[in-house]
Every structure is written in structure tokens, then in C-alpha cells.
Protein backbone atom coordinates (compact mmCIF):
# COMPACT_ATOMS: atom_id res chain seq x y z
CA UNK A 1 -41.96 -11.92 13.91
CA UNK A 2 -40.03 -15.14 14.47
CA UNK A 3 -40.19 -18.69 13.18
CA UNK A 4 -39.13 -21.35 15.66
CA UNK A 5 -37.02 -24.01 13.93
CA UNK A 6 -37.43 -27.03 16.20
CA UNK A 7 -34.93 -29.82 15.67
CA UNK A 8 -36.97 -32.92 16.27
CA UNK A 9 -35.52 -35.53 13.93
CA UNK A 10 -33.16 -37.50 16.16
CA UNK A 11 -33.73 -41.17 16.87
CA UNK A 12 -32.28 -41.15 20.38
CA UNK A 13 -29.91 -44.12 20.12
CA UNK A 14 -28.05 -43.15 23.31
CA UNK A 15 -31.28 -43.25 25.32
CA UNK A 16 -31.73 -46.88 24.17
CA UNK A 17 -35.51 -46.55 24.01
CA UNK A 18 -38.11 -48.04 21.67
CA UNK A 19 -38.95 -44.55 20.46
CA UNK A 20 -37.11 -41.32 19.58
CA UNK A 21 -36.17 -39.35 22.69
CA UNK A 22 -38.51 -36.48 21.79
CA UNK A 23 -41.44 -38.83 22.40
CA UNK A 24 -40.13 -40.28 25.64
CA UNK A 25 -42.39 -39.10 28.44
CA UNK A 26 -40.86 -36.90 31.10
CA UNK A 27 -43.29 -36.62 34.02
CA UNK A 28 -45.92 -38.27 31.79
CA UNK A 29 -45.52 -35.67 29.01
CA UNK A 30 -43.66 -36.25 25.71
CA UNK A 31 -40.35 -34.38 25.76
CA UNK A 32 -41.19 -32.35 22.64
CA UNK A 33 -44.26 -30.84 24.30
CA UNK A 34 -42.26 -28.72 26.72
CA UNK A 35 -40.58 -26.75 23.91
CA UNK A 36 -43.82 -26.44 21.96
CA UNK A 37 -45.73 -25.07 24.96
CA UNK A 38 -42.95 -22.64 25.91
CA UNK A 39 -42.85 -21.24 22.37
CA UNK A 40 -46.64 -21.18 22.12
CA UNK A 41 -46.72 -18.59 24.94
CA UNK A 42 -44.45 -16.11 23.10
CA UNK A 43 -46.47 -13.77 20.86
CA UNK A 44 -43.47 -12.92 18.65
CA UNK A 45 -43.17 -16.58 17.61
CA UNK A 46 -45.84 -16.86 14.94
CA UNK A 47 -44.93 -20.21 13.42
CA UNK A 48 -43.12 -23.39 14.38
CA UNK A 49 -41.36 -25.53 11.81
CA UNK A 50 -40.24 -28.91 13.15
CA UNK A 51 -38.50 -32.00 11.84
CA UNK A 52 -39.78 -35.51 12.25
CA UNK A 53 -37.72 -38.71 12.19
CA UNK A 54 -38.54 -41.34 9.55
CA UNK A 55 -41.87 -42.97 10.30
CA UNK A 56 -42.87 -40.51 13.03
CA UNK A 57 -44.71 -37.73 11.18
CA UNK A 58 -48.15 -38.94 12.24
CA UNK A 59 -47.11 -39.17 15.89
CA UNK A 60 -45.56 -35.69 15.74
CA UNK A 61 -48.77 -34.21 14.36
CA UNK A 62 -50.86 -36.09 16.93
CA UNK A 63 -48.85 -34.59 19.81
CA UNK A 64 -49.48 -31.07 18.52
CA UNK A 65 -53.23 -31.73 18.38
CA UNK A 66 -53.38 -33.50 21.73
CA UNK A 67 -51.67 -30.69 23.62
CA UNK A 68 -53.58 -27.88 21.85
CA UNK A 69 -50.61 -25.92 20.53
CA UNK A 70 -52.16 -22.78 19.03
CA UNK A 71 -49.15 -21.50 17.09
CA UNK A 72 -49.22 -22.96 13.56
CA UNK A 73 -46.88 -25.95 13.35
CA UNK A 74 -45.54 -27.44 10.12
CA UNK A 75 -43.42 -30.56 9.87
CA UNK A 76 -40.65 -31.31 7.40
CA UNK A 77 -38.63 -34.51 7.11
CA UNK A 78 -35.33 -34.56 8.97
CA UNK A 79 -32.08 -34.57 7.04
CA UNK A 80 -29.35 -37.17 7.33
CA UNK A 81 -27.40 -34.89 9.69
CA UNK A 82 -28.25 -32.16 12.16
CA UNK A 83 -26.85 -29.62 9.70
CA UNK A 84 -29.09 -30.87 6.89
CA UNK A 85 -32.08 -30.80 9.23
CA UNK A 86 -31.52 -27.13 10.12
CA UNK A 87 -31.08 -26.27 6.44
CA UNK A 88 -34.46 -27.86 5.66
CA UNK A 89 -36.11 -26.01 8.53
CA UNK A 90 -34.75 -22.59 7.57
CA UNK A 91 -35.80 -23.11 3.97
CA UNK A 92 -39.35 -23.83 5.10
CA UNK A 93 -39.58 -20.81 7.44
CA UNK A 94 -41.55 -17.78 6.28
CA UNK A 95 -40.45 -15.09 8.78
CA UNK A 96 -37.37 -12.88 8.42
CA UNK A 97 -36.05 -13.94 11.83
CA UNK A 98 -35.67 -17.47 13.16
CA UNK A 99 -34.94 -19.17 16.46
CA UNK A 100 -33.19 -22.55 16.43
CA UNK A 101 -34.03 -24.91 19.27
CA UNK A 102 -34.15 -28.66 19.83
CA UNK A 103 -36.88 -30.71 21.46
CA UNK A 104 -34.19 -32.55 23.44
CA UNK A 105 -33.90 -29.43 25.65
CA UNK A 106 -37.25 -29.55 27.46
CA UNK A 107 -36.30 -27.15 30.25
CA UNK A 108 -36.46 -24.13 27.95
CA UNK A 109 -38.94 -21.50 29.16
CA UNK A 110 -40.99 -18.82 27.49
CA UNK A 111 -38.75 -16.30 29.26
CA UNK A 112 -35.70 -17.89 27.62
CA UNK A 113 -37.22 -17.33 24.19
CA UNK A 114 -38.31 -13.79 25.06
CA UNK A 115 -34.92 -12.82 26.46
CA UNK A 116 -33.29 -13.97 23.24
CA UNK A 117 -35.80 -12.00 21.17
CA UNK A 118 -35.25 -8.90 23.31
CA UNK A 119 -31.48 -8.96 22.76
CA UNK A 120 -30.72 -6.01 20.43
CA UNK A 121 -28.36 -7.93 18.12
CA UNK A 122 -29.77 -9.89 15.19
CA UNK A 123 -27.71 -13.05 15.73
CA UNK A 124 -27.45 -14.23 19.32
CA UNK A 125 -26.71 -17.52 21.08
CA UNK A 126 -27.08 -18.71 24.64
CA UNK A 127 -23.77 -19.88 26.06
CA UNK A 128 -22.69 -20.97 29.51
CA UNK A 129 -19.32 -20.61 31.24
CA UNK A 130 -17.51 -23.93 31.56
CA UNK A 131 -17.02 -24.75 35.28
CA UNK A 132 -14.31 -27.37 34.71
CA UNK A 133 -10.95 -27.60 32.99
CA UNK A 134 -10.78 -28.76 29.38
CA UNK A 135 -7.72 -29.71 27.34
CA UNK A 136 -7.00 -30.49 23.67
CA UNK A 137 -5.91 -34.07 23.05
CA UNK A 138 -4.96 -36.45 20.24
CA UNK A 139 -7.46 -39.34 20.55
CA UNK A 140 -5.32 -41.65 18.43
CA UNK A 141 -2.19 -41.37 20.56
CA UNK A 142 -4.06 -40.56 23.79
CA UNK A 143 -1.72 -37.63 24.35
CA UNK A 144 -2.56 -34.22 25.79
CA UNK A 145 -1.54 -31.73 23.12
CA UNK A 146 -1.83 -28.33 24.75
CA UNK A 147 -3.79 -25.95 26.94
CA UNK A 148 -7.07 -24.08 26.55
CA UNK A 149 -7.94 -20.94 28.50
CA UNK A 150 -11.24 -21.78 30.18
CA UNK A 151 -12.30 -18.13 30.43
CA UNK A 152 -12.39 -17.84 26.63
CA UNK A 153 -14.51 -20.99 26.17
CA UNK A 154 -18.25 -21.45 26.48
CA UNK A 155 -20.69 -24.35 26.51
CA UNK A 156 -22.91 -23.73 23.48
CA UNK A 157 -26.62 -23.94 24.24
CA UNK A 158 -29.90 -23.53 22.42
CA UNK A 159 -32.03 -21.62 21.63
CA UNK A 160 -30.18 -19.32 19.24
CA UNK A 161 -31.63 -16.59 17.03
CA UNK A 162 -30.57 -15.46 13.56
CA UNK A 163 -31.64 -13.40 10.61
CA UNK A 164 -33.17 -16.00 8.31
CA UNK A 165 -31.20 -14.87 5.25
CA UNK A 166 -27.92 -14.98 7.18
CA UNK A 167 -28.53 -18.50 8.45
CA UNK A 168 -29.76 -19.79 5.12
CA UNK A 169 -26.78 -18.34 3.21
CA UNK A 170 -24.34 -19.81 5.73
CA UNK A 171 -25.90 -23.23 5.34
CA UNK A 172 -25.86 -23.03 1.57
CA UNK A 173 -22.17 -22.15 1.50
CA UNK A 174 -21.32 -24.86 4.02
CA UNK A 175 -23.15 -27.44 1.92
CA UNK A 176 -21.40 -26.26 -1.24
CA UNK A 177 -17.95 -26.59 0.34
CA UNK A 178 -18.63 -29.76 2.31
CA UNK A 179 -18.00 -28.03 5.64
CA UNK A 180 -19.61 -29.83 8.59
CA UNK A 181 -20.87 -28.21 11.79
CA UNK A 182 -22.69 -29.49 14.86
CA UNK A 183 -24.31 -26.15 15.77
CA UNK A 184 -25.18 -22.90 14.04
CA UNK A 185 -23.47 -20.06 15.91
CA UNK A 186 -20.02 -21.17 14.79
CA UNK A 187 -21.33 -21.96 11.32
CA UNK A 188 -22.56 -18.38 10.94
CA UNK A 189 -19.42 -16.83 12.47
CA UNK A 190 -17.07 -18.78 10.20
CA UNK A 191 -19.24 -17.69 7.27
CA UNK A 192 -18.37 -14.09 8.15
CA UNK A 193 -21.29 -12.80 10.25
CA UNK A 194 -20.76 -11.82 13.90
CA UNK A 195 -22.76 -13.68 16.55
CA UNK A 196 -23.16 -12.33 20.08
CA UNK A 197 -23.85 -14.45 23.14
CA UNK A 198 -25.80 -14.04 26.34
CA UNK A 199 -25.40 -16.15 29.45
CA UNK A 200 -27.41 -19.34 29.51
CA UNK A 201 -28.57 -21.48 32.41
CA UNK A 202 -27.19 -24.69 33.87
CA UNK A 203 -30.80 -25.93 34.02
CA UNK A 204 -30.98 -25.93 30.24
CA UNK A 205 -29.74 -29.49 29.86
CA UNK A 206 -29.92 -31.64 26.76
CA UNK A 207 -31.68 -34.96 27.22
CA UNK A 208 -29.32 -37.51 25.67
CA UNK A 209 -29.12 -40.46 28.08
CA UNK A 210 -31.45 -42.26 30.48
CA UNK A 211 -29.84 -40.32 33.32
CA UNK A 212 -30.70 -37.07 31.54
CA UNK A 213 -34.34 -38.17 31.31
CA UNK A 214 -34.45 -38.71 35.07
CA UNK A 215 -32.69 -35.42 35.77
CA UNK A 216 -35.05 -33.49 33.48
CA UNK A 217 -38.03 -35.02 35.24
CA UNK A 218 -36.60 -34.04 38.62
CA UNK A 219 -35.99 -30.42 37.55
CA UNK A 220 -39.32 -30.05 35.76
CA UNK A 221 -41.16 -31.29 38.84
CA UNK A 222 -39.58 -28.53 40.92
CA UNK A 223 -37.34 -30.95 42.76
CA UNK A 224 -34.51 -28.51 43.26
CA UNK A 225 -32.92 -27.11 46.41
CA UNK A 226 -31.85 -23.52 45.74
CA UNK A 227 -29.78 -23.54 48.94
CA UNK A 228 -27.33 -26.12 47.60
């Protein structure tokens, strides 16, 4: 059985809204609902543990009730950083296996969760080939400093799955050493545990800006030409 750890504590400054981006309505539905409903349809996910931003616990709980999410949902306060928020979520989880996702990725599907669960390895991340050239630079001097082989790079996506003990131990050691990470696959790998990847989808966008909100609404409404 799996616990879904749903990152839901951001305040959405880049969206420039009067509310956190997870409560912005995409096609008249709060963004967070899409991830909750997708997970709710996966039998192997037996609990959902989600963050809430300061002052938004009541609204988070109301959304769960309003949209009749049947999987038990518990909320814990968000940390000061993404890393702290994940650490709080994994500590609150009760299953031996966890899936990390974020409510800012509303195009996740039940099939995405199931495919991750069906992968034979214990620690697996979705990743997507990068279709453009990237280069290392020195921001201070504005100089290009080298070359990166695009074939060996991937765009890191969520969801990701881990053994709960592995993820929790990695977070504890990172906190003890002051190491900072912005996602969990690399955190776990650099802690010494292998993480496999499976190909993600270019539909699985993260809603960060107002443009992303519009794009997510377009894709979720089926406004997509497969012939393009």
C-alpha cells in the first residue's frame, strides 16, 4: 500500500494571485482537486497526506469534503522550504511506500500513479528528455562555462515513488548536514540509494505562472490537436 505525499504548501507568488496557486480554479475547479481525484481512483493509494500553507488549513479541508474524496486525507503544516515540507509529510505517512507529488501538477492521471506503482523498482521517478540545448553558466560574470550532453540530462517530474524508510533517512541526513535539495530523486541518490526513472509526459506541466494556468485549463478541457 502507498501513501501519497501531496506538496500543497506553496503560496504561489509567481502566479500573482490573491490565493495560493493550489486553490486557483482551473476550468472552475481548484487546482489541488485534480491530483486528489486522480489518486482517489488508485486502490493501492490508501492515504493522502498533504501540506497546507499558513492560514489555509480550513480551506484545504473544505475542498476535500466538497469534492467527496474517499481516500483518507490528513493535513500537516508546510515547512519553510520544499525540503522541510516533504520531510514533514514522510514523517506523517503510515505506509511502507510513498509517492511524492505536488498539487501544482494538475494534469497527473490515475494511470500515471498506477504506472509508477507497477514499476518493479522500489525508488522510481518520472523524467522527460530535454528537447532543447542547455549549458552551464556563471550568473555573476554572465559567461558560458562549458558544455552539457543533452542525452544524459532529464527534466525531473513528479510523481516519484520511494520506500518510506529510504526517503525519511535521506531527509534526516540532509537536514543534519545542511544539504539543500529542490526535489527528492537526487536527494535519495546522493544519500546512496539508486533511483530508476521512467519516461514522463510533456503534458505533465507544473502550474507556476498565469500562462501555466491558462495552458493547464486548455489541456484539461481536451483542447489539444494530436496532429500537430
